[in-house]
Amino acid sequence: MRMRKNILIITMMAFLAVPAAAETLMWEERGVAEMIDEPITLTIDGKTVTISGAQGQKLIVVSLTGRQVAEYQIESPAQRIELNLTKGCYVLKVGNVVRKVSIR
């Protein structure tokens, strides 16, 4: 009985590992693996935001009330954007990176 249980566990582990490996290969074939290696960074200095690792994506600026107040296209590997915003707190989102900022 114990032997049968061990074989069942090993078989299930092998079965679950195959789709994950296939999915990884599928991502690498599409070139997405290269994008995942370079993390997106946001550096804020006053009203200037420097974004790196997000070429081709959009910077979305949202107020704390949830209203989108600005959207910027990121066209270079490292881009500086001057935010034309009034004083207040905002949420910046690029890809899966989200930062809260305070403009003074």
PDB file of N, CA and C in Angstrom:
ATOM      1  N   MET A   1       0.822  -1.193   0.000  1.00  0.00           N
ATOM      2  CA  MET A   1       0.000   0.000   0.000  1.00  0.00           C
ATOM      3  C   MET A   1       0.871   1.265   0.000  1.00  0.00           C
ATOM      4  N   ARG A   2       1.913   1.286   0.839  1.00  0.00           N
ATOM      5  CA  ARG A   2       2.795   2.447   0.920  1.00  0.00           C
ATOM      6  C   ARG A   2       3.536   2.645  -0.401  1.00  0.00           C
ATOM      7  N   MET A   3       3.939   1.570  -1.030  1.00  0.00           N
ATOM      8  CA  MET A   3       4.642   1.637  -2.314  1.00  0.00           C
ATOM      9  C   MET A   3       3.737   2.248  -3.380  1.00  0.00           C
ATOM     10  N   ARG A   4       2.492   1.852  -3.382  1.00  0.00           N
ATOM     11  CA  ARG A   4       1.539   2.362  -4.352  1.00  0.00           C
ATOM     12  C   ARG A   4       1.328   3.869  -4.149  1.00  0.00           C
ATOM     13  N   LYS A   5       1.283   4.311  -2.903  1.00  0.00           N
ATOM     14  CA  LYS A   5       1.110   5.719  -2.579  1.00  0.00           C
ATOM     15  C   LYS A   5       2.318   6.527  -3.068  1.00  0.00           C
ATOM     16  N   ASN A   6       3.532   6.011  -2.859  1.00  0.00           N
ATOM     17  CA  ASN A   6       4.745   6.693  -3.316  1.00  0.00           C
ATOM     18  C   ASN A   6       4.786   6.799  -4.838  1.00  0.00           C
ATOM     19  N   ILE A   7       4.381   5.761  -5.521  1.00  0.00           N
ATOM     20  CA  ILE A   7       4.364   5.782  -6.992  1.00  0.00           C
ATOM     21  C   ILE A   7       3.346   6.811  -7.480  1.00  0.00           C
ATOM     22  N   LEU A   8       2.197   6.861  -6.824  1.00  0.00           N
ATOM     23  CA  LEU A   8       1.175   7.833  -7.199  1.00  0.00           C
ATOM     24  C   LEU A   8       1.682   9.269  -7.005  1.00  0.00           C
ATOM     25  N   ILE A   9       2.363   9.532  -5.908  1.00  0.00           N
ATOM     26  CA  ILE A   9       2.902  10.871  -5.640  1.00  0.00           C
ATOM     27  C   ILE A   9       3.949  11.242  -6.681  1.00  0.00           C
ATOM     28  N   ILE A  10       4.849  10.339  -7.006  1.00  0.00           N
ATOM     29  CA  ILE A  10       5.895  10.605  -8.000  1.00  0.00           C
ATOM     30  C   ILE A  10       5.275  10.851  -9.375  1.00  0.00           C
ATOM     31  N   THR A  11       4.272  10.067  -9.733  1.00  0.00           N
ATOM     32  CA  THR A  11       3.603  10.235 -11.020  1.00  0.00           C
ATOM     33  C   THR A  11       2.909  11.588 -11.104  1.00  0.00           C
ATOM     34  N   MET A  12       2.238  11.988 -10.045  1.00  0.00           N
ATOM     35  CA  MET A  12       1.552  13.284 -10.030  1.00  0.00           C
ATOM     36  C   MET A  12       2.552  14.439 -10.134  1.00  0.00           C
ATOM     37  N   MET A  13       3.669  14.341  -9.445  1.00  0.00           N
ATOM     38  CA  MET A  13       4.688  15.397  -9.501  1.00  0.00           C
ATOM     39  C   MET A  13       5.254  15.513 -10.914  1.00  0.00           C
ATOM     40  N   ALA A  14       5.511  14.386 -11.548  1.00  0.00           N
ATOM     41  CA  ALA A  14       6.035  14.407 -12.914  1.00  0.00           C
ATOM     42  C   ALA A  14       4.994  14.979 -13.884  1.00  0.00           C
ATOM     43  N   PHE A  15       3.745  14.618 -13.688  1.00  0.00           N
ATOM     44  CA  PHE A  15       2.669  15.107 -14.544  1.00  0.00           C
ATOM     45  C   PHE A  15       2.510  16.625 -14.418  1.00  0.00           C
ATOM     46  N   LEU A  16       2.616  17.146 -13.209  1.00  0.00           N
ATOM     47  CA  LEU A  16       2.458  18.587 -12.987  1.00  0.00           C
ATOM     48  C   LEU A  16       3.665  19.378 -13.478  1.00  0.00           C
ATOM     49  N   ALA A  17       4.832  18.769 -13.519  1.00  0.00           N
ATOM     50  CA  ALA A  17       6.043  19.478 -13.944  1.00  0.00           C
ATOM     51  C   ALA A  17       6.094  19.664 -15.459  1.00  0.00           C
ATOM     52  N   VAL A  18       5.511  18.796 -16.228  1.00  0.00           N
ATOM     53  CA  VAL A  18       5.583  18.866 -17.689  1.00  0.00           C
ATOM     54  C   VAL A  18       4.914  20.119 -18.250  1.00  0.00           C
ATOM     55  N   PRO A  19       3.685  20.487 -17.865  1.00  0.00           N
ATOM     56  CA  PRO A  19       3.090  21.708 -18.416  1.00  0.00           C
ATOM     57  C   PRO A  19       3.888  22.962 -18.073  1.00  0.00           C
ATOM     58  N   ALA A  20       4.470  23.013 -16.883  1.00  0.00           N
ATOM     59  CA  ALA A  20       5.263  24.181 -16.498  1.00  0.00           C
ATOM     60  C   ALA A  20       6.479  24.315 -17.402  1.00  0.00           C
ATOM     61  N   ALA A  21       7.136  23.218 -17.712  1.00  0.00           N
ATOM     62  CA  ALA A  21       8.291  23.255 -18.601  1.00  0.00           C
ATOM     63  C   ALA A  21       7.868  23.653 -20.013  1.00  0.00           C
ATOM     64  N   ALA A  22       6.748  23.137 -20.473  1.00  0.00           N
ATOM     65  CA  ALA A  22       6.260  23.478 -21.809  1.00  0.00           C
ATOM     66  C   ALA A  22       5.894  24.953 -21.878  1.00  0.00           C
ATOM     67  N   GLU A  23       5.297  25.493 -20.815  1.00  0.00           N
ATOM     68  CA  GLU A  23       4.928  26.905 -20.787  1.00  0.00           C
ATOM     69  C   GLU A  23       6.183  27.786 -20.808  1.00  0.00           C
ATOM     70  N   THR A  24       7.225  27.385 -20.100  1.00  0.00           N
ATOM     71  CA  THR A  24       8.476  28.137 -20.100  1.00  0.00           C
ATOM     72  C   THR A  24       9.066  28.182 -21.497  1.00  0.00           C
ATOM     73  N   LEU A  25       9.072  27.060 -22.193  1.00  0.00           N
ATOM     74  CA  LEU A  25       9.589  27.035 -23.560  1.00  0.00           C
ATOM     75  C   LEU A  25       8.762  27.931 -24.472  1.00  0.00           C
ATOM     76  N   MET A  26       7.444  27.914 -24.288  1.00  0.00           N
ATOM     77  CA  MET A  26       6.573  28.729 -25.112  1.00  0.00           C
ATOM     78  C   MET A  26       6.888  30.214 -24.912  1.00  0.00           C
ATOM     79  N   TRP A  27       7.111  30.642 -23.663  1.00  0.00           N
ATOM     80  CA  TRP A  27       7.453  32.034 -23.384  1.00  0.00           C
ATOM     81  C   TRP A  27       8.787  32.395 -24.008  1.00  0.00           C
ATOM     82  N   GLU A  28       9.776  31.515 -23.905  1.00  0.00           N
ATOM     83  CA  GLU A  28      11.100  31.803 -24.443  1.00  0.00           C
ATOM     84  C   GLU A  28      11.062  31.904 -25.960  1.00  0.00           C
ATOM     85  N   GLU A  29      10.238  31.083 -26.616  1.00  0.00           N
ATOM     86  CA  GLU A  29      10.128  31.142 -28.068  1.00  0.00           C
ATOM     87  C   GLU A  29       9.568  32.477 -28.529  1.00  0.00           C
ATOM     88  N   ARG A  30       8.700  33.063 -27.748  1.00  0.00           N
ATOM     89  CA  ARG A  30       8.081  34.335 -28.118  1.00  0.00           C
ATOM     90  C   ARG A  30       8.954  35.533 -27.765  1.00  0.00           C
ATOM     91  N   GLY A  31      10.090  35.327 -27.113  1.00  0.00           N
ATOM     92  CA  GLY A  31      10.985  36.419 -26.773  1.00  0.00           C
ATOM     93  C   GLY A  31      10.607  37.133 -25.488  1.00  0.00           C
ATOM     94  N   VAL A  32       9.634  36.630 -24.754  1.00  0.00           N
ATOM     95  CA  VAL A  32       9.198  37.278 -23.528  1.00  0.00           C
ATOM     96  C   VAL A  32      10.216  37.058 -22.417  1.00  0.00           C
ATOM     97  N   ALA A  33      10.981  35.994 -22.476  1.00  0.00           N
ATOM     98  CA  ALA A  33      11.969  35.718 -21.443  1.00  0.00           C
ATOM     99  C   ALA A  33      12.983  36.847 -21.345  1.00  0.00           C
ATOM    100  N   GLU A  34      13.316  37.467 -22.472  1.00  0.00           N
ATOM    101  CA  GLU A  34      14.256  38.581 -22.444  1.00  0.00           C
ATOM    102  C   GLU A  34      13.676  39.765 -21.686  1.00  0.00           C
ATOM    103  N   MET A  35      12.380  40.032 -21.839  1.00  0.00           N
ATOM    104  CA  MET A  35      11.746  41.147 -21.161  1.00  0.00           C
ATOM    105  C   MET A  35      11.650  40.907 -19.658  1.00  0.00           C
ATOM    106  N   ILE A  36      11.453  39.666 -19.250  1.00  0.00           N
ATOM    107  CA  ILE A  36      11.310  39.338 -17.838  1.00  0.00           C
ATOM    108  C   ILE A  36      12.627  39.534 -17.104  1.00  0.00           C
ATOM    109  N   ASP A  37      13.763  39.301 -17.766  1.00  0.00           N
ATOM    110  CA  ASP A  37      15.060  39.412 -17.121  1.00  0.00           C
ATOM    111  C   ASP A  37      15.376  40.827 -16.668  1.00  0.00           C
ATOM    112  N   GLU A  38      14.903  41.845 -17.385  1.00  0.00           N
ATOM    113  CA  GLU A  38      15.208  43.229 -17.057  1.00  0.00           C
ATOM    114  C   GLU A  38      14.056  43.824 -16.249  1.00  0.00           C
ATOM    115  N   PRO A  39      14.285  44.092 -14.958  1.00  0.00           N
ATOM    116  CA  PRO A  39      13.195  44.632 -14.140  1.00  0.00           C
ATOM    117  C   PRO A  39      12.921  46.098 -14.471  1.00  0.00           C
ATOM    118  N   ILE A  40      11.690  46.491 -14.284  1.00  0.00           N
ATOM    119  CA  ILE A  40      11.295  47.883 -14.482  1.00  0.00           C
ATOM    120  C   ILE A  40      11.613  48.651 -13.212  1.00  0.00           C
ATOM    121  N   THR A  41      12.283  49.800 -13.359  1.00  0.00           N
ATOM    122  CA  THR A  41      12.567  50.636 -12.199  1.00  0.00           C
ATOM    123  C   THR A  41      12.003  52.030 -12.413  1.00  0.00           C
ATOM    124  N   LEU A  42      11.444  52.580 -11.342  1.00  0.00           N
ATOM    125  CA  LEU A  42      10.924  53.942 -11.336  1.00  0.00           C
ATOM    126  C   LEU A  42      11.695  54.718 -10.279  1.00  0.00           C
ATOM    127  N   THR A  43      12.281  55.850 -10.675  1.00  0.00           N
ATOM    128  CA  THR A  43      12.980  56.719  -9.748  1.00  0.00           C
ATOM    129  C   THR A  43      12.315  58.082  -9.810  1.00  0.00           C
ATOM    130  N   ILE A  44      11.890  58.583  -8.656  1.00  0.00           N
ATOM    131  CA  ILE A  44      11.172  59.844  -8.620  1.00  0.00           C
ATOM    132  C   ILE A  44      12.037  60.895  -7.942  1.00  0.00           C
ATOM    133  N   ASP A  45      12.144  62.077  -8.586  1.00  0.00           N
ATOM    134  CA  ASP A  45      12.880  63.203  -8.026  1.00  0.00           C
ATOM    135  C   ASP A  45      12.057  64.465  -8.292  1.00  0.00           C
ATOM    136  N   GLY A  46      11.327  64.915  -7.289  1.00  0.00           N
ATOM    137  CA  GLY A  46      10.434  66.061  -7.468  1.00  0.00           C
ATOM    138  C   GLY A  46       9.292  65.687  -8.387  1.00  0.00           C
ATOM    139  N   LYS A  47       9.182  66.396  -9.520  1.00  0.00           N
ATOM    140  CA  LYS A  47       8.144  66.091 -10.508  1.00  0.00           C
ATOM    141  C   LYS A  47       8.686  65.297 -11.687  1.00  0.00           C
ATOM    142  N   THR A  48       9.942  64.843 -11.585  1.00  0.00           N
ATOM    143  CA  THR A  48      10.561  64.093 -12.674  1.00  0.00           C
ATOM    144  C   THR A  48      10.625  62.611 -12.321  1.00  0.00           C
ATOM    145  N   VAL A  49      10.183  61.784 -13.245  1.00  0.00           N
ATOM    146  CA  VAL A  49      10.226  60.333 -13.072  1.00  0.00           C
ATOM    147  C   VAL A  49      11.184  59.771 -14.117  1.00  0.00           C
ATOM    148  N   THR A  50      12.126  58.939 -13.677  1.00  0.00           N
ATOM    149  CA  THR A  50      13.013  58.237 -14.595  1.00  0.00           C
ATOM    150  C   THR A  50      12.599  56.776 -14.598  1.00  0.00           C
ATOM    151  N   ILE A  51      12.313  56.267 -15.790  1.00  0.00           N
ATOM    152  CA  ILE A  51      11.833  54.891 -15.946  1.00  0.00           C
ATOM    153  C   ILE A  51      12.832  54.129 -16.787  1.00  0.00           C
ATOM    154  N   SER A  52      13.240  52.956 -16.313  1.00  0.00           N
ATOM    155  CA  SER A  52      14.130  52.115 -17.118  1.00  0.00           C
ATOM    156  C   SER A  52      13.567  50.699 -17.187  1.00  0.00           C
ATOM    157  N   GLY A  53      13.836  50.048 -18.312  1.00  0.00           N
ATOM    158  CA  GLY A  53      13.395  48.670 -18.507  1.00  0.00           C
ATOM    159  C   GLY A  53      11.947  48.539 -18.918  1.00  0.00           C
ATOM    160  N   ALA A  54      11.342  49.605 -19.460  1.00  0.00           N
ATOM    161  CA  ALA A  54       9.922  49.542 -19.812  1.00  0.00           C
ATOM    162  C   ALA A  54       9.654  50.064 -21.213  1.00  0.00           C
ATOM    163  N   GLN A  55      10.612  49.926 -22.090  1.00  0.00           N
ATOM    164  CA  GLN A  55      10.454  50.439 -23.454  1.00  0.00           C
ATOM    165  C   GLN A  55       9.232  49.814 -24.121  1.00  0.00           C
ATOM    166  N   GLY A  56       8.410  50.669 -24.764  1.00  0.00           N
ATOM    167  CA  GLY A  56       7.219  50.193 -25.456  1.00  0.00           C
ATOM    168  C   GLY A  56       5.986  50.110 -24.578  1.00  0.00           C
ATOM    169  N   GLN A  57       6.121  50.395 -23.292  1.00  0.00           N
ATOM    170  CA  GLN A  57       4.976  50.337 -22.391  1.00  0.00           C
ATOM    171  C   GLN A  57       4.478  51.739 -22.084  1.00  0.00           C
ATOM    172  N   LYS A  58       3.447  51.831 -21.268  1.00  0.00           N
ATOM    173  CA  LYS A  58       2.873  53.123 -20.907  1.00  0.00           C
ATOM    174  C   LYS A  58       2.986  53.347 -19.406  1.00  0.00           C
ATOM    175  N   LEU A  59       3.267  54.602 -19.042  1.00  0.00           N
ATOM    176  CA  LEU A  59       3.212  55.039 -17.650  1.00  0.00           C
ATOM    177  C   LEU A  59       1.824  55.624 -17.453  1.00  0.00           C
ATOM    178  N   ILE A  60       1.096  55.080 -16.498  1.00  0.00           N
ATOM    179  CA  ILE A  60      -0.251  55.548 -16.202  1.00  0.00           C
ATOM    180  C   ILE A  60      -0.221  56.209 -14.830  1.00  0.00           C
ATOM    181  N   VAL A  61      -0.752  57.426 -14.750  1.00  0.00           N
ATOM    182  CA  VAL A  61      -0.809  58.171 -13.500  1.00  0.00           C
ATOM    183  C   VAL A  61      -2.267  58.257 -13.074  1.00  0.00           C
ATOM    184  N   VAL A  62      -2.537  57.815 -11.834  1.00  0.00           N
ATOM    185  CA  VAL A  62      -3.896  57.766 -11.314  1.00  0.00           C
ATOM    186  C   VAL A  62      -3.950  58.554 -10.008  1.00  0.00           C
ATOM    187  N   SER A  63      -5.012  59.354  -9.825  1.00  0.00           N
ATOM    188  CA  SER A  63      -5.185  60.073  -8.563  1.00  0.00           C
ATOM    189  C   SER A  63      -5.671  59.093  -7.501  1.00  0.00           C
ATOM    190  N   LEU A  64      -5.662  59.539  -6.244  1.00  0.00           N
ATOM    191  CA  LEU A  64      -6.120  58.659  -5.168  1.00  0.00           C
ATOM    192  C   LEU A  64      -7.619  58.406  -5.220  1.00  0.00           C
ATOM    193  N   THR A  65      -8.339  59.197  -5.991  1.00  0.00           N
ATOM    194  CA  THR A  65      -9.775  58.943  -6.171  1.00  0.00           C
ATOM    195  C   THR A  65     -10.030  57.871  -7.221  1.00  0.00           C
ATOM    196  N   GLY A  66      -8.962  57.445  -7.915  1.00  0.00           N
ATOM    197  CA  GLY A  66      -9.088  56.385  -8.910  1.00  0.00           C
ATOM    198  C   GLY A  66      -9.221  56.883 -10.335  1.00  0.00           C
ATOM    199  N   ARG A  67      -9.157  58.195 -10.540  1.00  0.00           N
ATOM    200  CA  ARG A  67      -9.293  58.765 -11.880  1.00  0.00           C
ATOM    201  C   ARG A  67      -7.932  58.834 -12.559  1.00  0.00           C
ATOM    202  N   GLN A  68      -7.845  58.360 -13.779  1.00  0.00           N
ATOM    203  CA  GLN A  68      -6.589  58.445 -14.537  1.00  0.00           C
ATOM    204  C   GLN A  68      -6.380  59.900 -14.940  1.00  0.00           C
ATOM    205  N   VAL A  69      -5.229  60.465 -14.553  1.00  0.00           N
ATOM    206  CA  VAL A  69      -4.972  61.880 -14.830  1.00  0.00           C
ATOM    207  C   VAL A  69      -3.938  62.090 -15.927  1.00  0.00           C
ATOM    208  N   ALA A  70      -3.142  61.071 -16.229  1.00  0.00           N
ATOM    209  CA  ALA A  70      -2.138  61.219 -17.286  1.00  0.00           C
ATOM    210  C   ALA A  70      -1.699  59.848 -17.776  1.00  0.00           C
ATOM    211  N   GLU A  71      -1.188  59.836 -19.012  1.00  0.00           N
ATOM    212  CA  GLU A  71      -0.652  58.610 -19.604  1.00  0.00           C
ATOM    213  C   GLU A  71       0.499  59.018 -20.519  1.00  0.00           C
ATOM    214  N   TYR A  72       1.639  58.348 -20.371  1.00  0.00           N
ATOM    215  CA  TYR A  72       2.824  58.662 -21.157  1.00  0.00           C
ATOM    216  C   TYR A  72       3.344  57.393 -21.819  1.00  0.00           C
ATOM    217  N   GLN A  73       3.718  57.490 -23.080  1.00  0.00           N
ATOM    218  CA  GLN A  73       4.326  56.367 -23.807  1.00  0.00           C
ATOM    219  C   GLN A  73       5.821  56.367 -23.525  1.00  0.00           C
ATOM    220  N   ILE A  74       6.373  55.211 -23.176  1.00  0.00           N
ATOM    221  CA  ILE A  74       7.801  55.085 -22.906  1.00  0.00           C
ATOM    222  C   ILE A  74       8.448  54.535 -24.168  1.00  0.00           C
ATOM    223  N   GLU A  75       9.317  55.339 -24.771  1.00  0.00           N
ATOM    224  CA  GLU A  75       9.870  54.986 -26.072  1.00  0.00           C
ATOM    225  C   GLU A  75      11.344  54.623 -26.050  1.00  0.00           C
ATOM    226  N   SER A  76      12.014  54.759 -24.919  1.00  0.00           N
ATOM    227  CA  SER A  76      13.433  54.423 -24.863  1.00  0.00           C
ATOM    228  C   SER A  76      13.700  53.535 -23.643  1.00  0.00           C
ATOM    229  N   PRO A  77      14.848  52.855 -23.622  1.00  0.00           N
ATOM    230  CA  PRO A  77      15.153  51.965 -22.496  1.00  0.00           C
ATOM    231  C   PRO A  77      15.217  52.698 -21.151  1.00  0.00           C
ATOM    232  N   ALA A  78      15.670  53.946 -21.157  1.00  0.00           N
ATOM    233  CA  ALA A  78      15.686  54.772 -19.949  1.00  0.00           C
ATOM    234  C   ALA A  78      15.148  56.142 -20.336  1.00  0.00           C
ATOM    235  N   GLN A  79      14.008  56.490 -19.782  1.00  0.00           N
ATOM    236  CA  GLN A  79      13.352  57.732 -20.194  1.00  0.00           C
ATOM    237  C   GLN A  79      12.984  58.564 -18.978  1.00  0.00           C
ATOM    238  N   ARG A  80      13.187  59.887 -19.096  1.00  0.00           N
ATOM    239  CA  ARG A  80      12.803  60.832 -18.058  1.00  0.00           C
ATOM    240  C   ARG A  80      11.510  61.515 -18.497  1.00  0.00           C
ATOM    241  N   ILE A  81      10.567  61.610 -17.560  1.00  0.00           N
ATOM    242  CA  ILE A  81       9.282  62.239 -17.849  1.00  0.00           C
ATOM    243  C   ILE A  81       9.022  63.287 -16.773  1.00  0.00           C
ATOM    244  N   GLU A  82       8.738  64.489 -17.223  1.00  0.00           N
ATOM    245  CA  GLU A  82       8.368  65.584 -16.319  1.00  0.00           C
ATOM    246  C   GLU A  82       6.856  65.517 -16.120  1.00  0.00           C
ATOM    247  N   LEU A  83       6.441  65.256 -14.887  1.00  0.00           N
ATOM    248  CA  LEU A  83       5.016  65.156 -14.588  1.00  0.00           C
ATOM    249  C   LEU A  83       4.434  66.555 -14.404  1.00  0.00           C
ATOM    250  N   ASN A  84       3.413  66.870 -15.160  1.00  0.00           N
ATOM    251  CA  ASN A  84       2.751  68.162 -15.075  1.00  0.00           C
ATOM    252  C   ASN A  84       1.502  67.981 -14.219  1.00  0.00           C
ATOM    253  N   LEU A  85       1.721  67.822 -12.906  1.00  0.00           N
ATOM    254  CA  LEU A  85       0.625  67.537 -11.991  1.00  0.00           C
ATOM    255  C   LEU A  85       0.584  68.571 -10.872  1.00  0.00           C
ATOM    256  N   THR A  86      -0.596  68.774 -10.307  1.00  0.00           N
ATOM    257  CA  THR A  86      -0.721  69.649  -9.149  1.00  0.00           C
ATOM    258  C   THR A  86      -0.279  68.897  -7.901  1.00  0.00           C
ATOM    259  N   LYS A  87      -0.141  69.627  -6.791  1.00  0.00           N
ATOM    260  CA  LYS A  87       0.243  68.993  -5.524  1.00  0.00           C
ATOM    261  C   LYS A  87      -0.743  67.887  -5.183  1.00  0.00           C
ATOM    262  N   GLY A  88      -0.215  66.826  -4.592  1.00  0.00           N
ATOM    263  CA  GLY A  88      -1.084  65.737  -4.175  1.00  0.00           C
ATOM    264  C   GLY A  88      -0.399  64.397  -4.247  1.00  0.00           C
ATOM    265  N   CYS A  89      -1.154  63.357  -3.945  1.00  0.00           N
ATOM    266  CA  CYS A  89      -0.654  61.990  -3.982  1.00  0.00           C
ATOM    267  C   CYS A  89      -1.207  61.290  -5.216  1.00  0.00           C
ATOM    268  N   TYR A  90      -0.349  60.497  -5.844  1.00  0.00           N
ATOM    269  CA  TYR A  90      -0.724  59.811  -7.083  1.00  0.00           C
ATOM    270  C   TYR A  90      -0.168  58.391  -7.063  1.00  0.00           C
ATOM    271  N   VAL A  91      -0.710  57.563  -7.930  1.00  0.00           N
ATOM    272  CA  VAL A  91      -0.224  56.202  -8.125  1.00  0.00           C
ATOM    273  C   VAL A  91       0.310  56.114  -9.548  1.00  0.00           C
ATOM    274  N   LEU A  92       1.570  55.651  -9.679  1.00  0.00           N
ATOM    275  CA  LEU A  92       2.195  55.467 -10.987  1.00  0.00           C
ATOM    276  C   LEU A  92       2.237  53.983 -11.294  1.00  0.00           C
ATOM    277  N   LYS A  93       1.872  53.609 -12.515  1.00  0.00           N
ATOM    278  CA  LYS A  93       1.862  52.195 -12.896  1.00  0.00           C
ATOM    279  C   LYS A  93       2.519  52.026 -14.258  1.00  0.00           C
ATOM    280  N   VAL A  94       3.506  51.127 -14.313  1.00  0.00           N
ATOM    281  CA  VAL A  94       4.150  50.734 -15.570  1.00  0.00           C
ATOM    282  C   VAL A  94       4.233  49.213 -15.540  1.00  0.00           C
ATOM    283  N   GLY A  95       3.581  48.561 -16.486  1.00  0.00           N
ATOM    284  CA  GLY A  95       3.584  47.095 -16.495  1.00  0.00           C
ATOM    285  C   GLY A  95       2.979  46.576 -15.205  1.00  0.00           C
ATOM    286  N   ASN A  96       3.748  45.781 -14.469  1.00  0.00           N
ATOM    287  CA  ASN A  96       3.263  45.250 -13.194  1.00  0.00           C
ATOM    288  C   ASN A  96       3.883  45.971 -12.001  1.00  0.00           C
ATOM    289  N   VAL A  97       4.555  47.116 -12.240  1.00  0.00           N
ATOM    290  CA  VAL A  97       5.181  47.895 -11.185  1.00  0.00           C
ATOM    291  C   VAL A  97       4.267  49.066 -10.826  1.00  0.00           C
ATOM    292  N   VAL A  98       3.979  49.209  -9.533  1.00  0.00           N
ATOM    293  CA  VAL A  98       3.103  50.273  -9.045  1.00  0.00           C
ATOM    294  C   VAL A  98       3.819  51.005  -7.927  1.00  0.00           C
ATOM    295  N   ARG A  99       3.808  52.363  -7.976  1.00  0.00           N
ATOM    296  CA  ARG A  99       4.450  53.183  -6.938  1.00  0.00           C
ATOM    297  C   ARG A  99       3.495  54.306  -6.534  1.00  0.00           C
ATOM    298  N   LYS A 100       3.480  54.613  -5.242  1.00  0.00           N
ATOM    299  CA  LYS A 100       2.724  55.758  -4.737  1.00  0.00           C
ATOM    300  C   LYS A 100       3.707  56.914  -4.614  1.00  0.00           C
ATOM    301  N   VAL A 101       3.312  58.096  -5.081  1.00  0.00           N
ATOM    302  CA  VAL A 101       4.185  59.270  -5.009  1.00  0.00           C
ATOM    303  C   VAL A 101       3.405  60.453  -4.472  1.00  0.00           C
ATOM    304  N   SER A 102       4.158  61.381  -3.892  1.00  0.00           N
ATOM    305  CA  SER A 102       3.587  62.618  -3.395  1.00  0.00           C
ATOM    306  C   SER A 102       4.261  63.775  -4.120  1.00  0.00           C
ATOM    307  N   ILE A 103       3.485  64.606  -4.804  1.00  0.00           N
ATOM    308  CA  ILE A 103       4.000  65.772  -5.521  1.00  0.00           C
ATOM    309  C   ILE A 103       3.802  66.979  -4.610  1.00  0.00           C
ATOM    310  N   ARG A 104       4.893  67.711  -4.379  1.00  0.00           N
ATOM    311  CA  ARG A 104       4.827  68.896  -3.498  1.00  0.00           C
ATOM    312  C   ARG A 104       5.034  70.154  -4.268  1.00  0.00           C
TER     313      ARG A 104
END
